[in-house]
Amino acid sequence: MRLPGSALPAMLLLLSTAAHRCLAADDAGTIMEENAAFNKDPNFGRHDEHQKTSNGLISKHSVTEFASSVDSNVVVEKPTKMELSCELSSSELKAQPPIEVMWMHGEEKINSTEFAINNTESKWHTWFKFDVSDSSELGNYTCIFKSKLEAKATFHLKVPKVKGGDKPMVSYERDTVVMKCDAAKHKPVEWIWYRSEGDNKVALNDSLMSSKYEITRKHANESKLHIKELSGNDSGLYSCEAVFLVGKSQGKINLNVLSYMVPLKPFLVIVAEVIILVAIILVYEMHNKKKQARSGEDEKEAEQSVHLKSEDTNGVESDTTRQRKV
């Protein structure tokens, strides 16, 4: 297999992440669960190994297909001795131009004295060992093999992800709502809930506002926020912060509090439309009845007028006849 647009020969890029945990024997199960989660990363190949050491567990992952770059996620929950390793293999490496090896932490280049390189005619191998003690050691670490083109792999070191609300929550005034955040199988040392007010976040303290908020933590990997006696002012963005020994992670939930009149509005609109329609029909019928009544009166008046004229004519004719007879 050749690099895209390059004459470089077929290459295999091998990545390994070694996590040496300085933990007691009863934490071994937790470590194995964490590394089993790493193995599910779709960027990793079919070859996965687990090895116990005196300091904990080494987890090795390999990528069986080489592209211009490879990414993998490494979840770090506790202080850890970390080893990141990259290997580039090819039977024709000896015929290639000089290869430069470097490591980057984010946009910052790591000093060459801090990592190791071992190369032969057919293989280049580099590894970087360091301690992860706080959030400053997290982030993206990239190993780069640079010749005419680059072959590189990036390790994304991050604390466990916290899941909040995928969709906005909707509730009604005077109700109680329960928000939940969880960190899967990981166990934060602390949970903190916030409410966003503009650009600021206000911590919610259930001990000081027990009549309004209640925070429960039945399991170490999840936290729930109960908000009582909801009002329209409670609408907004809430966030749950999981505090781990090496950093923090947040989940967000959007709450929309509605008045009970809101679901009734469509019904009230329909009722109002019906009332207006009935009123129009009644007014129309009353108008018709009045019109018909007036028409009847006019007809009667016309008939009476014709009758009176007829009588007057008959009277005149009878008088003329009498005068002629005389």
C-alpha atoms as a PDB file:
ATOM      1  CA  MET A   1       0.000   0.000   0.000  1.00  0.00           C
ATOM      2  CA  ARG A   2       1.395   3.404  -0.926  1.00  0.00           C
ATOM      3  CA  LEU A   3       0.928   6.802   0.638  1.00  0.00           C
ATOM      4  CA  PRO A   4      -1.633   8.893  -1.302  1.00  0.00           C
ATOM      5  CA  GLY A   5       0.147  10.906  -3.987  1.00  0.00           C
ATOM      6  CA  SER A   6       3.570   9.621  -2.855  1.00  0.00           C
ATOM      7  CA  ALA A   7       6.237   7.134  -3.945  1.00  0.00           C
ATOM      8  CA  LEU A   8       6.746   6.009  -0.345  1.00  0.00           C
ATOM      9  CA  PRO A   9       6.416   2.219   0.096  1.00  0.00           C
ATOM     10  CA  ALA A  10       3.788   0.333   2.027  1.00  0.00           C
ATOM     11  CA  MET A  11       3.891   1.279   5.701  1.00  0.00           C
ATOM     12  CA  LEU A  12       2.313   0.122   8.941  1.00  0.00           C
ATOM     13  CA  LEU A  13       1.781   2.598  11.747  1.00  0.00           C
ATOM     14  CA  LEU A  14       1.463   0.996  15.168  1.00  0.00           C
ATOM     15  CA  LEU A  15       0.211   2.938  18.143  1.00  0.00           C
ATOM     16  CA  SER A  16       0.356   1.845  21.731  1.00  0.00           C
ATOM     17  CA  THR A  17      -0.842   3.572  24.842  1.00  0.00           C
ATOM     18  CA  ALA A  18       0.572   2.305  28.086  1.00  0.00           C
ATOM     19  CA  ALA A  19      -1.162   3.317  31.292  1.00  0.00           C
ATOM     20  CA  HIS A  20       0.710   2.331  34.432  1.00  0.00           C
ATOM     21  CA  ARG A  21      -1.636   2.838  37.381  1.00  0.00           C
ATOM     22  CA  CYS A  22      -0.165   3.198  40.840  1.00  0.00           C
ATOM     23  CA  LEU A  23      -3.190   1.582  42.450  1.00  0.00           C
ATOM     24  CA  ALA A  24      -3.915  -1.232  44.877  1.00  0.00           C
ATOM     25  CA  ALA A  25      -4.926  -4.679  43.650  1.00  0.00           C
ATOM     26  CA  ASP A  26      -8.614  -3.993  44.224  1.00  0.00           C
ATOM     27  CA  ASP A  27      -8.522  -1.263  41.526  1.00  0.00           C
ATOM     28  CA  ALA A  28      -7.378  -3.679  38.802  1.00  0.00           C
ATOM     29  CA  GLY A  29     -10.959  -4.423  37.797  1.00  0.00           C
ATOM     30  CA  THR A  30     -11.671  -0.715  37.280  1.00  0.00           C
ATOM     31  CA  ILE A  31      -8.574  -0.344  35.114  1.00  0.00           C
ATOM     32  CA  MET A  32      -9.556  -3.302  32.951  1.00  0.00           C
ATOM     33  CA  GLU A  33     -13.025  -1.774  32.422  1.00  0.00           C
ATOM     34  CA  GLU A  34     -11.466   1.524  31.324  1.00  0.00           C
ATOM     35  CA  ASN A  35      -9.128  -0.152  28.849  1.00  0.00           C
ATOM     36  CA  ALA A  36     -11.926  -2.353  27.520  1.00  0.00           C
ATOM     37  CA  ALA A  37     -13.735   0.894  26.675  1.00  0.00           C
ATOM     38  CA  PHE A  38     -10.638   2.072  24.771  1.00  0.00           C
ATOM     39  CA  ASN A  39     -10.743  -1.076  22.650  1.00  0.00           C
ATOM     40  CA  LYS A  40     -14.182  -0.109  21.315  1.00  0.00           C
ATOM     41  CA  ASP A  41     -12.694   2.957  19.617  1.00  0.00           C
ATOM     42  CA  PRO A  42     -13.486   2.515  15.877  1.00  0.00           C
ATOM     43  CA  ASN A  43     -10.028   3.862  15.004  1.00  0.00           C
ATOM     44  CA  PHE A  44      -8.334   0.911  16.626  1.00  0.00           C
ATOM     45  CA  GLY A  45      -7.600  -2.308  14.740  1.00  0.00           C
ATOM     46  CA  ARG A  46      -8.512  -5.879  15.566  1.00  0.00           C
ATOM     47  CA  HIS A  47      -5.402  -6.539  17.643  1.00  0.00           C
ATOM     48  CA  ASP A  48      -5.691  -5.589  21.311  1.00  0.00           C
ATOM     49  CA  GLU A  49      -3.555  -6.791  24.220  1.00  0.00           C
ATOM     50  CA  HIS A  50      -3.752  -6.423  27.989  1.00  0.00           C
ATOM     51  CA  GLN A  51      -0.729  -6.919  30.203  1.00  0.00           C
ATOM     52  CA  LYS A  52      -0.356  -6.568  33.938  1.00  0.00           C
ATOM     53  CA  THR A  53       2.768  -4.944  35.343  1.00  0.00           C
ATOM     54  CA  SER A  54       3.982  -4.259  38.824  1.00  0.00           C
ATOM     55  CA  ASN A  55       2.557  -0.747  38.539  1.00  0.00           C
ATOM     56  CA  GLY A  56      -0.806  -1.692  37.110  1.00  0.00           C
ATOM     57  CA  LEU A  57      -1.926  -2.526  33.575  1.00  0.00           C
ATOM     58  CA  ILE A  58      -0.518  -1.869  30.118  1.00  0.00           C
ATOM     59  CA  SER A  59      -3.034  -1.600  27.296  1.00  0.00           C
ATOM     60  CA  LYS A  60      -1.727  -1.932  23.729  1.00  0.00           C
ATOM     61  CA  HIS A  61      -3.680  -1.015  20.622  1.00  0.00           C
ATOM     62  CA  SER A  62      -2.593  -1.329  17.011  1.00  0.00           C
ATOM     63  CA  VAL A  63      -3.831   0.244  13.781  1.00  0.00           C
ATOM     64  CA  THR A  64      -3.577  -2.165  10.865  1.00  0.00           C
ATOM     65  CA  GLU A  65      -4.172   0.343   8.071  1.00  0.00           C
ATOM     66  CA  PHE A  66      -2.108   3.442   7.490  1.00  0.00           C
ATOM     67  CA  ALA A  67      -3.583   6.756   6.393  1.00  0.00           C
ATOM     68  CA  SER A  68      -2.039  10.219   6.467  1.00  0.00           C
ATOM     69  CA  SER A  69      -3.206  10.542  10.073  1.00  0.00           C
ATOM     70  CA  VAL A  70      -4.784   8.378  12.767  1.00  0.00           C
ATOM     71  CA  ASP A  71      -6.724   9.456  15.868  1.00  0.00           C
ATOM     72  CA  SER A  72      -7.509   7.616  19.078  1.00  0.00           C
ATOM     73  CA  ASN A  73      -9.169   8.628  22.343  1.00  0.00           C
ATOM     74  CA  VAL A  74      -7.614   7.903  25.725  1.00  0.00           C
ATOM     75  CA  VAL A  75      -9.857   8.447  28.761  1.00  0.00           C
ATOM     76  CA  VAL A  76      -8.004   9.439  31.928  1.00  0.00           C
ATOM     77  CA  GLU A  77      -9.884   9.493  35.230  1.00  0.00           C
ATOM     78  CA  LYS A  78      -7.097   9.371  37.834  1.00  0.00           C
ATOM     79  CA  PRO A  79      -3.424  10.382  38.100  1.00  0.00           C
ATOM     80  CA  THR A  80      -1.569   8.056  35.746  1.00  0.00           C
ATOM     81  CA  LYS A  81       1.882   7.190  34.460  1.00  0.00           C
ATOM     82  CA  MET A  82       1.290   7.363  30.727  1.00  0.00           C
ATOM     83  CA  GLU A  83       3.297   5.975  27.831  1.00  0.00           C
ATOM     84  CA  LEU A  84       2.349   6.841  24.267  1.00  0.00           C
ATOM     85  CA  SER A  85       4.056   4.894  21.521  1.00  0.00           C
ATOM     86  CA  CYS A  86       4.115   5.030  17.703  1.00  0.00           C
ATOM     87  CA  GLU A  87       5.800   2.655  15.281  1.00  0.00           C
ATOM     88  CA  LEU A  88       6.356   3.017  11.535  1.00  0.00           C
ATOM     89  CA  SER A  89       7.450  -0.117   9.654  1.00  0.00           C
ATOM     90  CA  SER A  90       8.517  -0.726   6.063  1.00  0.00           C
ATOM     91  CA  SER A  91      10.940  -3.037   4.313  1.00  0.00           C
ATOM     92  CA  GLU A  92      12.075  -0.137   2.101  1.00  0.00           C
ATOM     93  CA  LEU A  93      12.648   2.520   4.751  1.00  0.00           C
ATOM     94  CA  LYS A  94      16.414   2.306   4.167  1.00  0.00           C
ATOM     95  CA  ALA A  95      15.889   3.622   0.628  1.00  0.00           C
ATOM     96  CA  GLN A  96      13.913   6.665   1.815  1.00  0.00           C
ATOM     97  CA  PRO A  97      15.202  10.177   2.517  1.00  0.00           C
ATOM     98  CA  PRO A  98      16.066  11.027   6.135  1.00  0.00           C
ATOM     99  CA  ILE A  99      13.046  10.839   8.458  1.00  0.00           C
ATOM    100  CA  GLU A 100      12.499  13.386  11.214  1.00  0.00           C
ATOM    101  CA  VAL A 101      10.601  12.290  14.330  1.00  0.00           C
ATOM    102  CA  MET A 102       8.821  14.778  16.587  1.00  0.00           C
ATOM    103  CA  TRP A 103       6.118  14.978  19.255  1.00  0.00           C
ATOM    104  CA  MET A 104       3.588  17.773  19.748  1.00  0.00           C
ATOM    105  CA  HIS A 105       1.389  18.615  22.747  1.00  0.00           C
ATOM    106  CA  GLY A 106      -1.366  20.678  21.190  1.00  0.00           C
ATOM    107  CA  GLU A 107       0.453  23.375  19.182  1.00  0.00           C
ATOM    108  CA  GLU A 108       3.594  23.152  21.302  1.00  0.00           C
ATOM    109  CA  LYS A 109       6.572  21.080  20.191  1.00  0.00           C
ATOM    110  CA  ILE A 110       7.952  18.721  22.826  1.00  0.00           C
ATOM    111  CA  ASN A 111      11.685  18.887  23.420  1.00  0.00           C
ATOM    112  CA  SER A 112      13.466  16.014  21.681  1.00  0.00           C
ATOM    113  CA  THR A 113      15.256  15.119  24.915  1.00  0.00           C
ATOM    114  CA  GLU A 114      11.951  14.170  26.538  1.00  0.00           C
ATOM    115  CA  PHE A 115      11.045  11.289  24.215  1.00  0.00           C
ATOM    116  CA  ALA A 116      12.909   8.280  22.853  1.00  0.00           C
ATOM    117  CA  ILE A 117      13.551   7.033  19.307  1.00  0.00           C
ATOM    118  CA  ASN A 118      14.690   3.624  18.116  1.00  0.00           C
ATOM    119  CA  ASN A 119      15.178   2.980  14.411  1.00  0.00           C
ATOM    120  CA  THR A 120      16.436   0.222  12.149  1.00  0.00           C
ATOM    121  CA  GLU A 121      16.511  -0.208   8.391  1.00  0.00           C
ATOM    122  CA  SER A 122      12.882  -1.358   8.375  1.00  0.00           C
ATOM    123  CA  LYS A 123      11.313   0.204  11.474  1.00  0.00           C
ATOM    124  CA  TRP A 124      11.017   3.504  13.299  1.00  0.00           C
ATOM    125  CA  HIS A 125       9.737   3.467  16.870  1.00  0.00           C
ATOM    126  CA  THR A 126       9.205   6.380  19.245  1.00  0.00           C
ATOM    127  CA  TRP A 127       7.623   6.606  22.676  1.00  0.00           C
ATOM    128  CA  PHE A 128       6.867   9.353  25.151  1.00  0.00           C
ATOM    129  CA  LYS A 129       6.493   8.739  28.895  1.00  0.00           C
ATOM    130  CA  PHE A 130       5.041  11.283  31.303  1.00  0.00           C
ATOM    131  CA  ASP A 131       2.868  11.657  34.389  1.00  0.00           C
ATOM    132  CA  VAL A 132      -0.734  12.828  34.117  1.00  0.00           C
ATOM    133  CA  SER A 133      -1.471  14.570  37.411  1.00  0.00           C
ATOM    134  CA  ASP A 134      -3.847  17.389  36.433  1.00  0.00           C
ATOM    135  CA  SER A 135      -5.705  18.891  33.478  1.00  0.00           C
ATOM    136  CA  SER A 136      -2.595  20.633  32.139  1.00  0.00           C
ATOM    137  CA  GLU A 137      -1.216  17.245  31.030  1.00  0.00           C
ATOM    138  CA  LEU A 138      -4.394  16.392  29.124  1.00  0.00           C
ATOM    139  CA  GLY A 139      -5.070  17.376  25.520  1.00  0.00           C
ATOM    140  CA  ASN A 140      -3.784  16.206  22.140  1.00  0.00           C
ATOM    141  CA  TYR A 141      -0.431  14.442  21.778  1.00  0.00           C
ATOM    142  CA  THR A 142       0.805  13.808  18.232  1.00  0.00           C
ATOM    143  CA  CYS A 143       3.717  11.737  17.030  1.00  0.00           C
ATOM    144  CA  ILE A 144       5.000  12.679  13.568  1.00  0.00           C
ATOM    145  CA  PHE A 145       7.274  10.805  11.169  1.00  0.00           C
ATOM    146  CA  LYS A 146       8.271  13.401   8.598  1.00  0.00           C
ATOM    147  CA  SER A 147       9.918  12.753   5.245  1.00  0.00           C
ATOM    148  CA  LYS A 148       8.526  13.925   1.891  1.00  0.00           C
ATOM    149  CA  LEU A 149       5.105  13.442   3.470  1.00  0.00           C
ATOM    150  CA  GLU A 150       3.982  13.075   7.076  1.00  0.00           C
ATOM    151  CA  ALA A 151       2.736   9.994   8.846  1.00  0.00           C
ATOM    152  CA  LYS A 152       1.256  10.947  12.203  1.00  0.00           C
ATOM    153  CA  ALA A 153      -0.988   9.744  14.981  1.00  0.00           C
ATOM    154  CA  THR A 154      -2.838  11.845  17.543  1.00  0.00           C
ATOM    155  CA  PHE A 155      -3.822  10.721  21.027  1.00  0.00           C
ATOM    156  CA  HIS A 156      -6.715  12.671  22.572  1.00  0.00           C
ATOM    157  CA  LEU A 157      -6.254  12.512  26.346  1.00  0.00           C
ATOM    158  CA  LYS A 158      -9.438  13.604  28.099  1.00  0.00           C
ATOM    159  CA  VAL A 159     -11.464  13.054  31.244  1.00  0.00           C
ATOM    160  CA  PRO A 160     -14.607  10.896  30.954  1.00  0.00           C
ATOM    161  CA  LYS A 161     -17.492  12.494  29.109  1.00  0.00           C
ATOM    162  CA  VAL A 162     -20.584  13.498  31.086  1.00  0.00           C
ATOM    163  CA  LYS A 163     -23.990  12.952  29.529  1.00  0.00           C
ATOM    164  CA  GLY A 164     -26.645  15.577  30.200  1.00  0.00           C
ATOM    165  CA  GLY A 165     -29.862  16.198  28.300  1.00  0.00           C
ATOM    166  CA  ASP A 166     -29.904  15.512  24.573  1.00  0.00           C
ATOM    167  CA  LYS A 167     -33.213  17.366  24.217  1.00  0.00           C
ATOM    168  CA  PRO A 168     -34.684  20.351  26.100  1.00  0.00           C
ATOM    169  CA  MET A 169     -36.811  19.457  29.119  1.00  0.00           C
ATOM    170  CA  VAL A 170     -40.358  20.864  29.285  1.00  0.00           C
ATOM    171  CA  SER A 171     -42.340  21.205  32.515  1.00  0.00           C
ATOM    172  CA  TYR A 172     -45.105  23.368  33.962  1.00  0.00           C
ATOM    173  CA  GLU A 173     -45.426  25.954  36.712  1.00  0.00           C
ATOM    174  CA  ARG A 174     -45.752  24.642  40.287  1.00  0.00           C
ATOM    175  CA  ASP A 175     -44.454  21.209  39.205  1.00  0.00           C
ATOM    176  CA  THR A 176     -41.181  19.516  40.258  1.00  0.00           C
ATOM    177  CA  VAL A 177     -38.597  18.536  37.644  1.00  0.00           C
ATOM    178  CA  VAL A 178     -35.696  16.077  37.991  1.00  0.00           C
ATOM    179  CA  MET A 179     -32.533  16.529  35.885  1.00  0.00           C
ATOM    180  CA  LYS A 180     -29.980  13.737  35.594  1.00  0.00           C
ATOM    181  CA  CYS A 181     -26.327  13.587  34.544  1.00  0.00           C
ATOM    182  CA  ASP A 182     -24.135  10.495  34.437  1.00  0.00           C
ATOM    183  CA  ALA A 183     -20.532   9.605  33.650  1.00  0.00           C
ATOM    184  CA  ALA A 184     -21.141   6.019  32.492  1.00  0.00           C
ATOM    185  CA  LYS A 185     -18.891   3.679  34.534  1.00  0.00           C
ATOM    186  CA  HIS A 186     -16.580   6.421  35.749  1.00  0.00           C
ATOM    187  CA  LYS A 187     -16.812   7.837  39.268  1.00  0.00           C
ATOM    188  CA  PRO A 188     -16.219  11.554  39.846  1.00  0.00           C
ATOM    189  CA  VAL A 189     -15.077  12.632  43.289  1.00  0.00           C
ATOM    190  CA  GLU A 190     -17.670  15.439  43.264  1.00  0.00           C
ATOM    191  CA  TRP A 191     -20.691  16.738  41.343  1.00  0.00           C
ATOM    192  CA  ILE A 192     -21.531  20.462  41.091  1.00  0.00           C
ATOM    193  CA  TRP A 193     -24.679  21.895  39.505  1.00  0.00           C
ATOM    194  CA  TYR A 194     -24.857  25.367  37.943  1.00  0.00           C
ATOM    195  CA  ARG A 195     -27.467  27.621  36.413  1.00  0.00           C
ATOM    196  CA  SER A 196     -26.465  30.027  33.633  1.00  0.00           C
ATOM    197  CA  GLU A 197     -27.430  33.659  34.081  1.00  0.00           C
ATOM    198  CA  GLY A 198     -26.217  35.530  31.043  1.00  0.00           C
ATOM    199  CA  ASP A 199     -22.484  34.954  30.753  1.00  0.00           C
ATOM    200  CA  ASN A 200     -22.198  33.865  34.390  1.00  0.00           C
ATOM    201  CA  LYS A 201     -22.782  30.533  36.093  1.00  0.00           C
ATOM    202  CA  VAL A 202     -24.326  30.368  39.557  1.00  0.00           C
ATOM    203  CA  ALA A 203     -23.649  27.300  41.711  1.00  0.00           C
ATOM    204  CA  LEU A 204     -26.807  25.720  43.120  1.00  0.00           C
ATOM    205  CA  ASN A 205     -26.464  24.915  46.814  1.00  0.00           C
ATOM    206  CA  ASP A 206     -29.191  22.583  48.038  1.00  0.00           C
ATOM    207  CA  SER A 207     -28.219  23.046  51.693  1.00  0.00           C
ATOM    208  CA  LEU A 208     -28.926  26.788  51.554  1.00  0.00           C
ATOM    209  CA  MET A 209     -31.927  26.523  49.210  1.00  0.00           C
ATOM    210  CA  SER A 210     -33.417  23.180  50.281  1.00  0.00           C
ATOM    211  CA  SER A 211     -36.953  24.438  49.674  1.00  0.00           C
ATOM    212  CA  LYS A 212     -36.089  25.002  46.013  1.00  0.00           C
ATOM    213  CA  TYR A 213     -33.255  22.601  45.106  1.00  0.00           C
ATOM    214  CA  GLU A 214     -32.294  19.102  46.112  1.00  0.00           C
ATOM    215  CA  ILE A 215     -29.214  17.286  44.789  1.00  0.00           C
ATOM    216  CA  THR A 216     -29.125  13.497  45.127  1.00  0.00           C
ATOM    217  CA  ARG A 217     -26.312  11.069  44.339  1.00  0.00           C
ATOM    218  CA  LYS A 218     -27.592   7.520  44.705  1.00  0.00           C
ATOM    219  CA  HIS A 219     -24.682   6.183  42.623  1.00  0.00           C
ATOM    220  CA  ALA A 220     -21.185   7.671  42.389  1.00  0.00           C
ATOM    221  CA  ASN A 221     -21.342   7.891  38.597  1.00  0.00           C
ATOM    222  CA  GLU A 222     -24.577   9.938  38.462  1.00  0.00           C
ATOM    223  CA  SER A 223     -26.181  12.991  40.009  1.00  0.00           C
ATOM    224  CA  LYS A 224     -29.749  14.343  40.015  1.00  0.00           C
ATOM    225  CA  LEU A 225     -31.023  17.867  40.534  1.00  0.00           C
ATOM    226  CA  HIS A 226     -34.605  18.291  41.817  1.00  0.00           C
ATOM    227  CA  ILE A 227     -36.168  21.731  41.265  1.00  0.00           C
ATOM    228  CA  LYS A 228     -39.386  22.299  43.211  1.00  0.00           C
ATOM    229  CA  GLU A 229     -42.272  24.745  42.763  1.00  0.00           C
ATOM    230  CA  LEU A 230     -41.295  25.685  39.244  1.00  0.00           C
ATOM    231  CA  SER A 231     -41.992  29.136  37.867  1.00  0.00           C
ATOM    232  CA  GLY A 232     -41.292  30.822  34.566  1.00  0.00           C
ATOM    233  CA  ASN A 233     -38.096  32.270  36.080  1.00  0.00           C
ATOM    234  CA  ASP A 234     -36.636  28.751  36.368  1.00  0.00           C
ATOM    235  CA  SER A 235     -36.417  28.403  32.585  1.00  0.00           C
ATOM    236  CA  GLY A 236     -32.862  28.411  31.280  1.00  0.00           C
ATOM    237  CA  LEU A 237     -29.634  26.449  30.869  1.00  0.00           C
ATOM    238  CA  TYR A 238     -28.355  24.183  33.647  1.00  0.00           C
ATOM    239  CA  SER A 239     -25.021  22.364  33.737  1.00  0.00           C
ATOM    240  CA  CYS A 240     -23.673  19.498  35.796  1.00  0.00           C
ATOM    241  CA  GLU A 241     -19.937  19.396  36.429  1.00  0.00           C
ATOM    242  CA  ALA A 242     -18.207  16.123  37.242  1.00  0.00           C
ATOM    243  CA  VAL A 243     -14.949  16.715  39.121  1.00  0.00           C
ATOM    244  CA  PHE A 244     -12.284  14.058  38.553  1.00  0.00           C
ATOM    245  CA  LEU A 245      -8.808  13.902  40.113  1.00  0.00           C
ATOM    246  CA  VAL A 246      -7.226  15.088  36.851  1.00  0.00           C
ATOM    247  CA  GLY A 247      -9.859  17.493  35.504  1.00  0.00           C
ATOM    248  CA  LYS A 248     -13.496  18.379  35.031  1.00  0.00           C
ATOM    249  CA  SER A 249     -16.221  17.486  32.548  1.00  0.00           C
ATOM    250  CA  GLN A 250     -19.621  19.084  31.982  1.00  0.00           C
ATOM    251  CA  GLY A 251     -23.048  18.104  30.749  1.00  0.00           C
ATOM    252  CA  LYS A 252     -25.801  20.595  29.869  1.00  0.00           C
ATOM    253  CA  ILE A 253     -29.603  20.542  30.170  1.00  0.00           C
ATOM    254  CA  ASN A 254     -32.010  23.177  28.849  1.00  0.00           C
ATOM    255  CA  LEU A 255     -35.237  23.654  30.841  1.00  0.00           C
ATOM    256  CA  ASN A 256     -38.388  25.336  29.544  1.00  0.00           C
ATOM    257  CA  VAL A 257     -41.113  26.044  32.141  1.00  0.00           C
ATOM    258  CA  LEU A 258     -44.577  26.680  30.708  1.00  0.00           C
ATOM    259  CA  SER A 259     -47.731  28.111  32.220  1.00  0.00           C
ATOM    260  CA  TYR A 260     -50.751  25.818  32.445  1.00  0.00           C
ATOM    261  CA  MET A 261     -52.490  28.317  30.173  1.00  0.00           C
ATOM    262  CA  VAL A 262     -50.119  27.404  27.350  1.00  0.00           C
ATOM    263  CA  PRO A 263     -51.671  23.989  26.537  1.00  0.00           C
ATOM    264  CA  LEU A 264     -55.131  25.525  27.011  1.00  0.00           C
ATOM    265  CA  LYS A 265     -54.538  28.300  24.489  1.00  0.00           C
ATOM    266  CA  PRO A 266     -55.379  26.215  21.399  1.00  0.00           C
ATOM    267  CA  PHE A 267     -58.581  25.042  23.108  1.00  0.00           C
ATOM    268  CA  LEU A 268     -59.489  28.589  24.135  1.00  0.00           C
ATOM    269  CA  VAL A 269     -58.833  29.824  20.619  1.00  0.00           C
ATOM    270  CA  ILE A 270     -61.172  27.154  19.224  1.00  0.00           C
ATOM    271  CA  VAL A 271     -63.853  28.012  21.814  1.00  0.00           C
ATOM    272  CA  ALA A 272     -63.527  31.715  20.981  1.00  0.00           C
ATOM    273  CA  GLU A 273     -63.843  30.968  17.261  1.00  0.00           C
ATOM    274  CA  VAL A 274     -66.968  28.865  17.899  1.00  0.00           C
ATOM    275  CA  ILE A 275     -68.507  31.603  20.050  1.00  0.00           C
ATOM    276  CA  ILE A 276     -67.810  34.216  17.387  1.00  0.00           C
ATOM    277  CA  LEU A 277     -69.277  31.964  14.692  1.00  0.00           C
ATOM    278  CA  VAL A 278     -72.419  31.275  16.762  1.00  0.00           C
ATOM    279  CA  ALA A 279     -72.771  35.005  17.500  1.00  0.00           C
ATOM    280  CA  ILE A 280     -72.527  35.820  13.772  1.00  0.00           C
ATOM    281  CA  ILE A 281     -75.169  33.187  12.978  1.00  0.00           C
ATOM    282  CA  LEU A 282     -77.500  34.511  15.700  1.00  0.00           C
ATOM    283  CA  VAL A 283     -77.041  38.116  14.547  1.00  0.00           C
ATOM    284  CA  TYR A 284     -77.689  37.045  10.964  1.00  0.00           C
ATOM    285  CA  GLU A 285     -80.859  35.156  11.946  1.00  0.00           C
ATOM    286  CA  MET A 286     -82.123  38.067  14.066  1.00  0.00           C
ATOM    287  CA  HIS A 287     -81.453  40.418  11.177  1.00  0.00           C
ATOM    288  CA  ASN A 288     -83.320  38.082   8.830  1.00  0.00           C
ATOM    289  CA  LYS A 289     -86.283  37.853  11.201  1.00  0.00           C
ATOM    290  CA  LYS A 290     -86.447  41.638  11.541  1.00  0.00           C
ATOM    291  CA  LYS A 291     -86.203  41.980   7.793  1.00  0.00           C
ATOM    292  CA  GLN A 292     -88.965  39.439   7.290  1.00  0.00           C
ATOM    293  CA  ALA A 293     -91.106  41.155   9.941  1.00  0.00           C
ATOM    294  CA  ARG A 294     -90.646  44.517   8.230  1.00  0.00           C
ATOM    295  CA  SER A 295     -91.428  42.961   4.873  1.00  0.00           C
ATOM    296  CA  GLY A 296     -94.650  41.478   6.321  1.00  0.00           C
ATOM    297  CA  GLU A 297     -95.686  44.805   7.769  1.00  0.00           C
ATOM    298  CA  ASP A 298     -94.998  46.531   4.456  1.00  0.00           C
ATOM    299  CA  GLU A 299     -97.114  43.944   2.649  1.00  0.00           C
ATOM    300  CA  LYS A 300     -99.968  44.436   5.106  1.00  0.00           C
ATOM    301  CA  GLU A 301     -99.734  48.193   4.739  1.00  0.00           C
ATOM    302  CA  ALA A 302     -99.765  47.816   0.960  1.00  0.00           C
ATOM    303  CA  GLU A 303    -102.784  45.519   1.107  1.00  0.00           C
ATOM    304  CA  GLN A 304    -104.582  47.925   3.417  1.00  0.00           C
ATOM    305  CA  SER A 305    -103.741  50.802   1.115  1.00  0.00           C
ATOM    306  CA  VAL A 306    -105.028  48.921  -1.911  1.00  0.00           C
ATOM    307  CA  HIS A 307    -108.148  47.941  -0.008  1.00  0.00           C
ATOM    308  CA  LEU A 308    -108.793  51.534   1.056  1.00  0.00           C
ATOM    309  CA  LYS A 309    -108.300  52.768  -2.481  1.00  0.00           C
ATOM    310  CA  SER A 310    -110.646  50.095  -3.686  1.00  0.00           C
ATOM    311  CA  GLU A 311    -113.281  51.168  -1.179  1.00  0.00           C
ATOM    312  CA  ASP A 312    -112.845  54.803  -2.137  1.00  0.00           C
ATOM    313  CA  THR A 313    -113.285  53.949  -5.784  1.00  0.00           C
ATOM    314  CA  ASN A 314    -116.387  51.913  -5.053  1.00  0.00           C
ATOM    315  CA  GLY A 315    -117.868  54.805  -3.072  1.00  0.00           C
ATOM    316  CA  VAL A 316    -117.275  57.258  -5.881  1.00  0.00           C
ATOM    317  CA  GLU A 317    -118.818  54.914  -8.437  1.00  0.00           C
ATOM    318  CA  SER A 318    -121.947  54.333  -6.315  1.00  0.00           C
ATOM    319  CA  ASP A 319    -122.453  58.081  -5.844  1.00  0.00           C
ATOM    320  CA  THR A 320    -122.218  58.694  -9.574  1.00  0.00           C
ATOM    321  CA  THR A 321    -124.706  55.964 -10.237  1.00  0.00           C
ATOM    322  CA  ARG A 322    -127.165  57.462  -7.744  1.00  0.00           C
ATOM    323  CA  GLN A 323    -126.826  60.887  -9.312  1.00  0.00           C
ATOM    324  CA  ARG A 324    -127.493  59.494 -12.756  1.00  0.00           C
ATOM    325  CA  LYS A 325    -130.596  57.663 -11.560  1.00  0.00           C
ATOM    326  CA  VAL A 326    -132.078  60.795 -10.218  1.00  0.00           C
END
